[in-house]
C-alpha cells in the first residue's frame, strides 16, 4: 500500500536565542516568530563509510558532518537581521562591523502535510552568517528579491541532540505537544517524574458489576504505542487466566479503558494490571506495576 500523505508546505518559523549549553543543562530564551518563510533547507551531510578487509567490505559506520541550515524569507526586517547576525542598532540605523558575532540560536518550524495535518521541527543550536546580497532594478515584471539566511548547526553539549521532530501521524502523537511546540522550546518541558494511575474499580472493591469496564486514568499523557493488551490486562485471581477484551485510549492519551469481550464471572476475584512498560511522553515509566484487586457481585 502506498504512502497516504506527503509534505506540501512550511510555515510558522520561530527562533530562540540559546542562553546555556553544558553537560548539565541547555536553555533558551522564549521563542520569537520569524514570519514570511518560503523555504527551509536542512542538510546534516550524513555519511556512511565502509572498512574493507580481506579484499572485501567488512564493516560500515555512519555519522553526520556539518549541519547546514538555510532560511529563505519574504522579508527580513532590520531588527530581525541585527538579532540573528549580531549587529548593533542605534536610532533606526544598523551598524555592521567585522567583529560582529552571531548568537547561537534554535530554529523551529511547522510543516504542512497533504491531508491537512502538520509536522513540527526544532533545530537546537547554530549560528547564521552574512550571505551575498544581490539587488536588481525593477523591470516590466515584479522580481521578488528574497533574503536568505545560511548557517551551520551543531549537536548540543547537553545531550548530543541536534534536532527534534513530531508529526500528527506518529503513533505516539499528542495534540498538546504540538499546541505547545514553540512555547515549550526545543527540548519541551523537562519531566523526570514517573506517571501515576488510578483504577476503576478501586483496589479492594467487592461488588463490581459483571458488565463493568476497567478504566485506568493517568495524571499525564502516556505514549499511545504503550496502550496494548501486554501492558494492560485483567486476569482471574484463581488461576491467572487472561480475560479477553479490547482496549481504547482517550484523545488526550490519559485514559485507557478495557472492555471485556463477554461479561465477567459473578462472585469471582480478578486482578487488573498495568506494567512498567507504560511511559509518559518524556519516556519515564511507571515506578512499579499497578495492581488492582476486585471481586464481582
C-alpha atoms as a PDB file:
ATOM      1  CA  UNK A   1       0.000   0.000   0.000  1.00  0.00           C
ATOM      2  CA  UNK A   2       1.373   3.404  -0.976  1.00  0.00           C
ATOM      3  CA  UNK A   3       2.006   6.394   1.221  1.00  0.00           C
ATOM      4  CA  UNK A   4      -1.126   8.332   2.109  1.00  0.00           C
ATOM      5  CA  UNK A   5       0.381  11.797   2.576  1.00  0.00           C
ATOM      6  CA  UNK A   6       3.316  13.994   1.611  1.00  0.00           C
ATOM      7  CA  UNK A   7       4.878  17.289   2.692  1.00  0.00           C
ATOM      8  CA  UNK A   8       3.374  20.200   0.805  1.00  0.00           C
ATOM      9  CA  UNK A   9       4.337  23.332   2.762  1.00  0.00           C
ATOM     10  CA  UNK A  10       6.147  25.059   5.607  1.00  0.00           C
ATOM     11  CA  UNK A  11       5.190  27.922   7.913  1.00  0.00           C
ATOM     12  CA  UNK A  12       5.428  29.216  11.486  1.00  0.00           C
ATOM     13  CA  UNK A  13       9.198  29.659  11.792  1.00  0.00           C
ATOM     14  CA  UNK A  14      10.472  30.682  15.241  1.00  0.00           C
ATOM     15  CA  UNK A  15      13.908  31.403  16.637  1.00  0.00           C
ATOM     16  CA  UNK A  16      15.042  31.098  20.261  1.00  0.00           C
ATOM     17  CA  UNK A  17      18.355  32.510  21.478  1.00  0.00           C
ATOM     18  CA  UNK A  18      20.471  29.915  23.278  1.00  0.00           C
ATOM     19  CA  UNK A  19      21.431  31.059  26.780  1.00  0.00           C
ATOM     20  CA  UNK A  20      23.341  27.997  28.048  1.00  0.00           C
ATOM     21  CA  UNK A  21      24.563  24.633  26.822  1.00  0.00           C
ATOM     22  CA  UNK A  22      26.580  22.431  29.157  1.00  0.00           C
ATOM     23  CA  UNK A  23      26.681  18.785  30.148  1.00  0.00           C
ATOM     24  CA  UNK A  24      24.120  19.572  32.865  1.00  0.00           C
ATOM     25  CA  UNK A  25      21.553  21.728  31.010  1.00  0.00           C
ATOM     26  CA  UNK A  26      20.555  23.556  27.829  1.00  0.00           C
ATOM     27  CA  UNK A  27      18.330  26.651  27.991  1.00  0.00           C
ATOM     28  CA  UNK A  28      16.899  29.175  25.543  1.00  0.00           C
ATOM     29  CA  UNK A  29      15.064  32.466  25.669  1.00  0.00           C
ATOM     30  CA  UNK A  30      11.374  32.456  24.717  1.00  0.00           C
ATOM     31  CA  UNK A  31      10.784  31.645  21.051  1.00  0.00           C
ATOM     32  CA  UNK A  32      10.146  34.596  18.711  1.00  0.00           C
ATOM     33  CA  UNK A  33       8.141  34.376  15.488  1.00  0.00           C
ATOM     34  CA  UNK A  34      10.013  34.910  12.204  1.00  0.00           C
ATOM     35  CA  UNK A  35       7.174  35.335   9.689  1.00  0.00           C
ATOM     36  CA  UNK A  36       7.325  35.116   5.925  1.00  0.00           C
ATOM     37  CA  UNK A  37       9.164  31.820   5.408  1.00  0.00           C
ATOM     38  CA  UNK A  38       9.198  30.485   1.846  1.00  0.00           C
ATOM     39  CA  UNK A  39      11.799  27.722   2.160  1.00  0.00           C
ATOM     40  CA  UNK A  40      13.752  25.888   4.861  1.00  0.00           C
ATOM     41  CA  UNK A  41      16.811  23.822   3.996  1.00  0.00           C
ATOM     42  CA  UNK A  42      18.420  21.346   6.407  1.00  0.00           C
ATOM     43  CA  UNK A  43      21.394  19.234   5.323  1.00  0.00           C
ATOM     44  CA  UNK A  44      23.167  17.246   8.053  1.00  0.00           C
ATOM     45  CA  UNK A  45      25.635  15.890   5.483  1.00  0.00           C
ATOM     46  CA  UNK A  46      25.108  12.356   6.665  1.00  0.00           C
ATOM     47  CA  UNK A  47      27.582   9.725   5.524  1.00  0.00           C
ATOM     48  CA  UNK A  48      28.284   6.023   5.635  1.00  0.00           C
ATOM     49  CA  UNK A  49      31.844   4.759   5.268  1.00  0.00           C
ATOM     50  CA  UNK A  50      32.935   1.172   4.744  1.00  0.00           C
ATOM     51  CA  UNK A  51      36.064  -0.547   6.008  1.00  0.00           C
ATOM     52  CA  UNK A  52      37.476  -3.100   3.601  1.00  0.00           C
ATOM     53  CA  UNK A  53      39.340  -6.131   4.896  1.00  0.00           C
ATOM     54  CA  UNK A  54      40.362  -9.422   3.296  1.00  0.00           C
ATOM     55  CA  UNK A  55      39.615  -7.959  -0.114  1.00  0.00           C
ATOM     56  CA  UNK A  56      36.011  -7.112   0.701  1.00  0.00           C
ATOM     57  CA  UNK A  57      33.693  -4.845   2.710  1.00  0.00           C
ATOM     58  CA  UNK A  58      33.995  -5.810   6.385  1.00  0.00           C
ATOM     59  CA  UNK A  59      32.000  -3.219   8.311  1.00  0.00           C
ATOM     60  CA  UNK A  60      30.330   0.160   7.914  1.00  0.00           C
ATOM     61  CA  UNK A  61      29.996   3.208  10.160  1.00  0.00           C
ATOM     62  CA  UNK A  62      27.744   6.215   9.784  1.00  0.00           C
ATOM     63  CA  UNK A  63      27.660   9.758  11.124  1.00  0.00           C
ATOM     64  CA  UNK A  64      26.817  13.344  10.285  1.00  0.00           C
ATOM     65  CA  UNK A  65      29.010  16.208   9.145  1.00  0.00           C
ATOM     66  CA  UNK A  66      28.392  19.948   9.226  1.00  0.00           C
ATOM     67  CA  UNK A  67      24.680  20.595   9.657  1.00  0.00           C
ATOM     68  CA  UNK A  68      23.848  23.232   7.048  1.00  0.00           C
ATOM     69  CA  UNK A  69      20.662  25.254   7.517  1.00  0.00           C
ATOM     70  CA  UNK A  70      19.146  27.891   5.243  1.00  0.00           C
ATOM     71  CA  UNK A  71      16.043  30.048   5.575  1.00  0.00           C
ATOM     72  CA  UNK A  72      14.554  31.896   2.606  1.00  0.00           C
ATOM     73  CA  UNK A  73      12.101  34.599   3.662  1.00  0.00           C
ATOM     74  CA  UNK A  74       9.699  37.026   2.062  1.00  0.00           C
ATOM     75  CA  UNK A  75      11.449  39.716   4.106  1.00  0.00           C
ATOM     76  CA  UNK A  76      13.957  40.040   6.921  1.00  0.00           C
ATOM     77  CA  UNK A  77      13.408  43.180   8.971  1.00  0.00           C
ATOM     78  CA  UNK A  78      16.372  45.266  10.194  1.00  0.00           C
ATOM     79  CA  UNK A  79      15.674  44.203  13.778  1.00  0.00           C
ATOM     80  CA  UNK A  80      15.498  40.512  12.869  1.00  0.00           C
ATOM     81  CA  UNK A  81      18.708  40.763  10.866  1.00  0.00           C
ATOM     82  CA  UNK A  82      20.517  42.509  13.711  1.00  0.00           C
ATOM     83  CA  UNK A  83      19.421  39.931  16.288  1.00  0.00           C
ATOM     84  CA  UNK A  84      20.289  36.885  14.191  1.00  0.00           C
ATOM     85  CA  UNK A  85      23.588  38.202  12.829  1.00  0.00           C
ATOM     86  CA  UNK A  86      24.875  40.036  15.900  1.00  0.00           C
ATOM     87  CA  UNK A  87      24.720  43.633  14.634  1.00  0.00           C
ATOM     88  CA  UNK A  88      24.045  46.704  16.798  1.00  0.00           C
ATOM     89  CA  UNK A  89      21.382  49.314  16.173  1.00  0.00           C
ATOM     90  CA  UNK A  90      21.146  52.968  17.144  1.00  0.00           C
ATOM     91  CA  UNK A  91      18.374  55.383  16.197  1.00  0.00           C
ATOM     92  CA  UNK A  92      16.993  53.164  13.472  1.00  0.00           C
ATOM     93  CA  UNK A  93      20.433  52.557  11.926  1.00  0.00           C
ATOM     94  CA  UNK A  94      22.003  49.082  11.848  1.00  0.00           C
ATOM     95  CA  UNK A  95      25.795  49.022  12.221  1.00  0.00           C
ATOM     96  CA  UNK A  96      27.831  46.249  10.592  1.00  0.00           C
ATOM     97  CA  UNK A  97      31.388  45.625  11.803  1.00  0.00           C
ATOM     98  CA  UNK A  98      33.991  42.980  11.094  1.00  0.00           C
ATOM     99  CA  UNK A  99      33.845  41.854  14.726  1.00  0.00           C
ATOM    100  CA  UNK A 100      30.090  41.193  14.891  1.00  0.00           C
ATOM    101  CA  UNK A 101      29.390  37.744  16.356  1.00  0.00           C
ATOM    102  CA  UNK A 102      26.178  35.904  15.556  1.00  0.00           C
ATOM    103  CA  UNK A 103      24.422  34.421  18.590  1.00  0.00           C
ATOM    104  CA  UNK A 104      23.675  30.728  18.978  1.00  0.00           C
ATOM    105  CA  UNK A 105      20.015  30.150  18.181  1.00  0.00           C
ATOM    106  CA  UNK A 106      17.486  27.364  17.812  1.00  0.00           C
ATOM    107  CA  UNK A 107      15.115  27.316  14.840  1.00  0.00           C
ATOM    108  CA  UNK A 108      11.626  25.802  14.980  1.00  0.00           C
ATOM    109  CA  UNK A 109       9.054  25.453  12.224  1.00  0.00           C
ATOM    110  CA  UNK A 110       5.905  23.635  11.152  1.00  0.00           C
ATOM    111  CA  UNK A 111       5.414  21.533   8.016  1.00  0.00           C
ATOM    112  CA  UNK A 112       2.092  21.012   6.232  1.00  0.00           C
ATOM    113  CA  UNK A 113       1.089  17.531   5.071  1.00  0.00           C
ATOM    114  CA  UNK A 114      -1.151  16.835   2.094  1.00  0.00           C
ATOM    115  CA  UNK A 115      -4.006  15.652   4.339  1.00  0.00           C
ATOM    116  CA  UNK A 116      -4.055  18.992   6.185  1.00  0.00           C
ATOM    117  CA  UNK A 117      -2.228  17.772   9.291  1.00  0.00           C
ATOM    118  CA  UNK A 118       1.145  19.096  10.475  1.00  0.00           C
ATOM    119  CA  UNK A 119       4.642  18.111  11.430  1.00  0.00           C
ATOM    120  CA  UNK A 120       6.872  20.060  13.822  1.00  0.00           C
ATOM    121  CA  UNK A 121      10.647  20.573  13.932  1.00  0.00           C
ATOM    122  CA  UNK A 122      13.225  22.121  16.273  1.00  0.00           C
ATOM    123  CA  UNK A 123      16.909  22.545  15.302  1.00  0.00           C
ATOM    124  CA  UNK A 124      18.690  23.117  18.586  1.00  0.00           C
ATOM    125  CA  UNK A 125      21.904  25.104  18.188  1.00  0.00           C
ATOM    126  CA  UNK A 126      23.579  27.047  15.395  1.00  0.00           C
ATOM    127  CA  UNK A 127      24.803  30.346  14.008  1.00  0.00           C
ATOM    128  CA  UNK A 128      23.838  32.252  10.885  1.00  0.00           C
ATOM    129  CA  UNK A 129      26.390  34.113   8.769  1.00  0.00           C
ATOM    130  CA  UNK A 130      26.400  37.048   6.373  1.00  0.00           C
ATOM    131  CA  UNK A 131      25.492  35.992   2.848  1.00  0.00           C
ATOM    132  CA  UNK A 132      25.776  37.528  -0.576  1.00  0.00           C
ATOM    133  CA  UNK A 133      23.099  40.098  -1.397  1.00  0.00           C
ATOM    134  CA  UNK A 134      22.100  40.979  -4.953  1.00  0.00           C
ATOM    135  CA  UNK A 135      19.938  43.999  -5.725  1.00  0.00           C
ATOM    136  CA  UNK A 136      18.364  44.252  -9.182  1.00  0.00           C
ATOM    137  CA  UNK A 137      16.437  47.091 -10.731  1.00  0.00           C
ATOM    138  CA  UNK A 138      12.717  46.894 -11.221  1.00  0.00           C
ATOM    139  CA  UNK A 139      11.674  45.763 -14.685  1.00  0.00           C
ATOM    140  CA  UNK A 140       8.425  45.090 -16.536  1.00  0.00           C
ATOM    141  CA  UNK A 141       7.683  42.179 -14.250  1.00  0.00           C
ATOM    142  CA  UNK A 142       7.983  42.112 -10.486  1.00  0.00           C
ATOM    143  CA  UNK A 143      11.095  40.169  -9.498  1.00  0.00           C
ATOM    144  CA  UNK A 144      10.892  39.291  -5.809  1.00  0.00           C
ATOM    145  CA  UNK A 145      14.310  39.586  -4.194  1.00  0.00           C
ATOM    146  CA  UNK A 146      14.147  37.260  -1.203  1.00  0.00           C
ATOM    147  CA  UNK A 147      16.656  37.451   1.659  1.00  0.00           C
ATOM    148  CA  UNK A 148      18.305  34.180   2.698  1.00  0.00           C
ATOM    149  CA  UNK A 149      19.922  33.217   5.979  1.00  0.00           C
ATOM    150  CA  UNK A 150      22.502  30.433   5.894  1.00  0.00           C
ATOM    151  CA  UNK A 151      24.245  28.908   8.873  1.00  0.00           C
ATOM    152  CA  UNK A 152      25.894  25.924  10.487  1.00  0.00           C
ATOM    153  CA  UNK A 153      24.263  23.983  13.318  1.00  0.00           C
ATOM    154  CA  UNK A 154      25.771  21.607  15.888  1.00  0.00           C
ATOM    155  CA  UNK A 155      24.784  18.987  18.421  1.00  0.00           C
ATOM    156  CA  UNK A 156      24.082  20.091  21.978  1.00  0.00           C
ATOM    157  CA  UNK A 157      26.765  19.525  24.600  1.00  0.00           C
ATOM    158  CA  UNK A 158      23.896  18.741  26.991  1.00  0.00           C
ATOM    159  CA  UNK A 159      22.535  15.598  25.322  1.00  0.00           C
ATOM    160  CA  UNK A 160      24.139  15.243  21.892  1.00  0.00           C
ATOM    161  CA  UNK A 161      20.918  16.096  20.026  1.00  0.00           C
ATOM    162  CA  UNK A 162      20.697  18.451  17.079  1.00  0.00           C
ATOM    163  CA  UNK A 163      17.022  18.086  16.136  1.00  0.00           C
ATOM    164  CA  UNK A 164      13.598  17.027  17.441  1.00  0.00           C
ATOM    165  CA  UNK A 165      10.507  16.349  15.351  1.00  0.00           C
ATOM    166  CA  UNK A 166       6.945  15.108  15.689  1.00  0.00           C
ATOM    167  CA  UNK A 167       4.110  14.551  13.230  1.00  0.00           C
ATOM    168  CA  UNK A 168       0.365  14.145  13.533  1.00  0.00           C
ATOM    169  CA  UNK A 169       0.615  10.628  12.099  1.00  0.00           C
ATOM    170  CA  UNK A 170       3.129   9.457  14.695  1.00  0.00           C
ATOM    171  CA  UNK A 171       1.518   6.662  16.762  1.00  0.00           C
ATOM    172  CA  UNK A 172       2.508   8.479  19.978  1.00  0.00           C
ATOM    173  CA  UNK A 173       1.494  11.961  18.780  1.00  0.00           C
ATOM    174  CA  UNK A 174      -0.325  14.088  21.356  1.00  0.00           C
ATOM    175  CA  UNK A 175      -2.022  17.313  20.255  1.00  0.00           C
ATOM    176  CA  UNK A 176      -0.896  19.113  23.407  1.00  0.00           C
ATOM    177  CA  UNK A 177       2.730  18.586  22.346  1.00  0.00           C
ATOM    178  CA  UNK A 178       2.012  20.282  19.014  1.00  0.00           C
ATOM    179  CA  UNK A 179      -0.008  23.081  20.618  1.00  0.00           C
ATOM    180  CA  UNK A 180       2.953  23.931  22.880  1.00  0.00           C
ATOM    181  CA  UNK A 181       5.754  23.107  20.429  1.00  0.00           C
ATOM    182  CA  UNK A 182       7.074  26.658  20.209  1.00  0.00           C
ATOM    183  CA  UNK A 183       6.183  27.937  23.676  1.00  0.00           C
ATOM    184  CA  UNK A 184       7.861  24.968  25.414  1.00  0.00           C
ATOM    185  CA  UNK A 185      11.066  25.386  23.414  1.00  0.00           C
ATOM    186  CA  UNK A 186      13.429  22.972  21.639  1.00  0.00           C
ATOM    187  CA  UNK A 187      13.509  20.321  24.367  1.00  0.00           C
ATOM    188  CA  UNK A 188       9.907  20.735  25.512  1.00  0.00           C
ATOM    189  CA  UNK A 189       9.167  20.587  29.203  1.00  0.00           C
ATOM    190  CA  UNK A 190      11.612  18.828  31.492  1.00  0.00           C
ATOM    191  CA  UNK A 191       9.939  15.831  33.085  1.00  0.00           C
ATOM    192  CA  UNK A 192      11.734  13.417  35.398  1.00  0.00           C
ATOM    193  CA  UNK A 193       8.702  12.317  37.430  1.00  0.00           C
ATOM    194  CA  UNK A 194       7.085   8.922  36.933  1.00  0.00           C
ATOM    195  CA  UNK A 195       3.426   8.974  35.878  1.00  0.00           C
ATOM    196  CA  UNK A 196       0.764   7.794  38.300  1.00  0.00           C
ATOM    197  CA  UNK A 197      -2.508   5.975  37.633  1.00  0.00           C
ATOM    198  CA  UNK A 198      -5.817   5.372  39.374  1.00  0.00           C
ATOM    199  CA  UNK A 199      -8.145   2.477  38.600  1.00  0.00           C
ATOM    200  CA  UNK A 200     -11.907   1.971  38.495  1.00  0.00           C
ATOM    201  CA  UNK A 201     -12.946  -0.276  40.104  1.00  0.00           C
ATOM    202  CA  UNK A 202     -10.755   0.661  43.059  1.00  0.00           C
ATOM    203  CA  UNK A 203      -8.477  -1.812  44.796  1.00  0.00           C
ATOM    204  CA  UNK A 204     -10.487  -4.000  47.160  1.00  0.00           C
ATOM    205  CA  UNK A 205     -13.884  -3.382  45.537  1.00  0.00           C
ATOM    206  CA  UNK A 206     -16.184  -6.347  46.190  1.00  0.00           C
ATOM    207  CA  UNK A 207     -19.459  -5.615  44.361  1.00  0.00           C
ATOM    208  CA  UNK A 208     -18.263  -4.862  40.846  1.00  0.00           C
ATOM    209  CA  UNK A 209     -20.816  -5.397  38.082  1.00  0.00           C
ATOM    210  CA  UNK A 210     -20.051  -8.323  35.781  1.00  0.00           C
ATOM    211  CA  UNK A 211     -20.622  -5.989  32.819  1.00  0.00           C
ATOM    212  CA  UNK A 212     -18.263  -3.287  34.082  1.00  0.00           C
ATOM    213  CA  UNK A 213     -15.316  -1.941  32.112  1.00  0.00           C
ATOM    214  CA  UNK A 214     -11.954  -1.421  33.797  1.00  0.00           C
ATOM    215  CA  UNK A 215     -10.705   2.146  33.457  1.00  0.00           C
ATOM    216  CA  UNK A 216      -7.196   3.442  34.181  1.00  0.00           C
ATOM    217  CA  UNK A 217      -6.726   7.218  34.443  1.00  0.00           C
ATOM    218  CA  UNK A 218      -3.203   8.674  34.311  1.00  0.00           C
ATOM    219  CA  UNK A 219      -2.121  12.030  35.713  1.00  0.00           C
ATOM    220  CA  UNK A 220      -0.455  12.862  32.367  1.00  0.00           C
ATOM    221  CA  UNK A 221      -0.432  11.658  28.784  1.00  0.00           C
ATOM    222  CA  UNK A 222       1.152   8.289  28.076  1.00  0.00           C
ATOM    223  CA  UNK A 223       2.723   7.028  24.868  1.00  0.00           C
ATOM    224  CA  UNK A 224      -0.062   5.673  22.698  1.00  0.00           C
ATOM    225  CA  UNK A 225       2.049   2.753  21.481  1.00  0.00           C
ATOM    226  CA  UNK A 226       2.190   1.506  25.096  1.00  0.00           C
ATOM    227  CA  UNK A 227      -1.594   1.013  25.251  1.00  0.00           C
ATOM    228  CA  UNK A 228      -1.522  -2.706  24.426  1.00  0.00           C
ATOM    229  CA  UNK A 229      -3.014  -5.835  25.965  1.00  0.00           C
ATOM    230  CA  UNK A 230       0.501  -6.830  27.006  1.00  0.00           C
ATOM    231  CA  UNK A 231       0.699  -3.761  29.274  1.00  0.00           C
ATOM    232  CA  UNK A 232      -2.954  -3.501  30.378  1.00  0.00           C
ATOM    233  CA  UNK A 233      -4.569  -6.765  31.382  1.00  0.00           C
ATOM    234  CA  UNK A 234      -7.218  -8.325  33.574  1.00  0.00           C
ATOM    235  CA  UNK A 235      -6.700 -11.854  34.914  1.00  0.00           C
ATOM    236  CA  UNK A 236      -8.596 -14.246  37.147  1.00  0.00           C
ATOM    237  CA  UNK A 237      -7.021 -14.305  40.600  1.00  0.00           C
ATOM    238  CA  UNK A 238      -7.557 -18.043  40.981  1.00  0.00           C
ATOM    239  CA  UNK A 239      -5.544 -19.272  38.010  1.00  0.00           C
ATOM    240  CA  UNK A 240      -4.067 -16.214  36.266  1.00  0.00           C
ATOM    241  CA  UNK A 241      -6.060 -16.779  33.076  1.00  0.00           C
ATOM    242  CA  UNK A 242      -6.257 -13.626  30.964  1.00  0.00           C
ATOM    243  CA  UNK A 243      -9.644 -12.041  30.310  1.00  0.00           C
ATOM    244  CA  UNK A 244     -10.256 -11.372  26.617  1.00  0.00           C
ATOM    245  CA  UNK A 245     -11.228  -7.832  25.683  1.00  0.00           C
ATOM    246  CA  UNK A 246     -10.403  -4.651  23.785  1.00  0.00           C
ATOM    247  CA  UNK A 247      -8.522  -1.517  24.805  1.00  0.00           C
ATOM    248  CA  UNK A 248      -9.319   2.084  23.907  1.00  0.00           C
ATOM    249  CA  UNK A 249      -7.308   5.233  24.583  1.00  0.00           C
ATOM    250  CA  UNK A 250      -8.770   8.689  25.115  1.00  0.00           C
ATOM    251  CA  UNK A 251      -7.890  11.541  22.746  1.00  0.00           C
ATOM    252  CA  UNK A 252      -5.591  13.111  25.337  1.00  0.00           C
ATOM    253  CA  UNK A 253      -3.781   9.803  25.932  1.00  0.00           C
ATOM    254  CA  UNK A 254      -4.637   9.877  29.640  1.00  0.00           C
ATOM    255  CA  UNK A 255      -7.469   7.321  29.982  1.00  0.00           C
ATOM    256  CA  UNK A 256      -7.238   3.633  28.993  1.00  0.00           C
ATOM    257  CA  UNK A 257     -10.439   1.559  29.017  1.00  0.00           C
ATOM    258  CA  UNK A 258     -10.619  -2.246  28.928  1.00  0.00           C
ATOM    259  CA  UNK A 259     -13.908  -3.606  27.584  1.00  0.00           C
ATOM    260  CA  UNK A 260     -14.215  -7.379  28.222  1.00  0.00           C
ATOM    261  CA  UNK A 261     -15.387  -9.431  25.254  1.00  0.00           C
ATOM    262  CA  UNK A 262     -18.064 -11.019  27.469  1.00  0.00           C
ATOM    263  CA  UNK A 263     -19.332 -10.399  30.979  1.00  0.00           C
ATOM    264  CA  UNK A 264     -17.048 -11.280  33.854  1.00  0.00           C
ATOM    265  CA  UNK A 265     -17.949 -14.271  36.006  1.00  0.00           C
ATOM    266  CA  UNK A 266     -20.042 -13.494  39.052  1.00  0.00           C
ATOM    267  CA  UNK A 267     -18.641 -13.778  42.590  1.00  0.00           C
ATOM    268  CA  UNK A 268     -15.150 -14.055  41.163  1.00  0.00           C
ATOM    269  CA  UNK A 269     -11.882 -12.353  42.143  1.00  0.00           C
ATOM    270  CA  UNK A 270      -9.955 -10.549  39.413  1.00  0.00           C
ATOM    271  CA  UNK A 271      -6.706  -8.599  39.177  1.00  0.00           C
ATOM    272  CA  UNK A 272      -6.241  -5.580  36.886  1.00  0.00           C
ATOM    273  CA  UNK A 273      -2.593  -4.947  35.993  1.00  0.00           C
ATOM    274  CA  UNK A 274      -0.662  -2.101  34.371  1.00  0.00           C
ATOM    275  CA  UNK A 275       3.001  -2.859  33.726  1.00  0.00           C
ATOM    276  CA  UNK A 276       6.069  -0.642  33.968  1.00  0.00           C
ATOM    277  CA  UNK A 277       6.328  -0.777  30.175  1.00  0.00           C
ATOM    278  CA  UNK A 278       3.912   2.176  30.158  1.00  0.00           C
ATOM    279  CA  UNK A 279       5.739   5.510  29.758  1.00  0.00           C
ATOM    280  CA  UNK A 280       4.814   9.175  29.725  1.00  0.00           C
ATOM    281  CA  UNK A 281       5.772  11.413  26.788  1.00  0.00           C
ATOM    282  CA  UNK A 282       9.191  12.074  28.328  1.00  0.00           C
ATOM    283  CA  UNK A 283       9.913   8.342  28.357  1.00  0.00           C
ATOM    284  CA  UNK A 284       9.531   7.942  32.137  1.00  0.00           C
ATOM    285  CA  UNK A 285       7.861   4.655  33.080  1.00  0.00           C
ATOM    286  CA  UNK A 286       5.534   3.800  35.953  1.00  0.00           C
ATOM    287  CA  UNK A 287       7.560   3.390  39.128  1.00  0.00           C
ATOM    288  CA  UNK A 288       6.093  -0.104  39.665  1.00  0.00           C
ATOM    289  CA  UNK A 289       3.440  -2.398  38.228  1.00  0.00           C
ATOM    290  CA  UNK A 290      -0.005  -1.095  39.195  1.00  0.00           C
ATOM    291  CA  UNK A 291      -2.066  -3.920  40.761  1.00  0.00           C
ATOM    292  CA  UNK A 292      -5.798  -3.661  41.496  1.00  0.00           C
ATOM    293  CA  UNK A 293      -7.718  -6.493  43.140  1.00  0.00           C
ATOM    294  CA  UNK A 294     -11.521  -6.588  42.868  1.00  0.00           C
ATOM    295  CA  UNK A 295     -14.393  -9.043  43.040  1.00  0.00           C
ATOM    296  CA  UNK A 296     -17.590  -9.184  41.036  1.00  0.00           C
ATOM    297  CA  UNK A 297     -21.005  -9.179  42.652  1.00  0.00           C
END
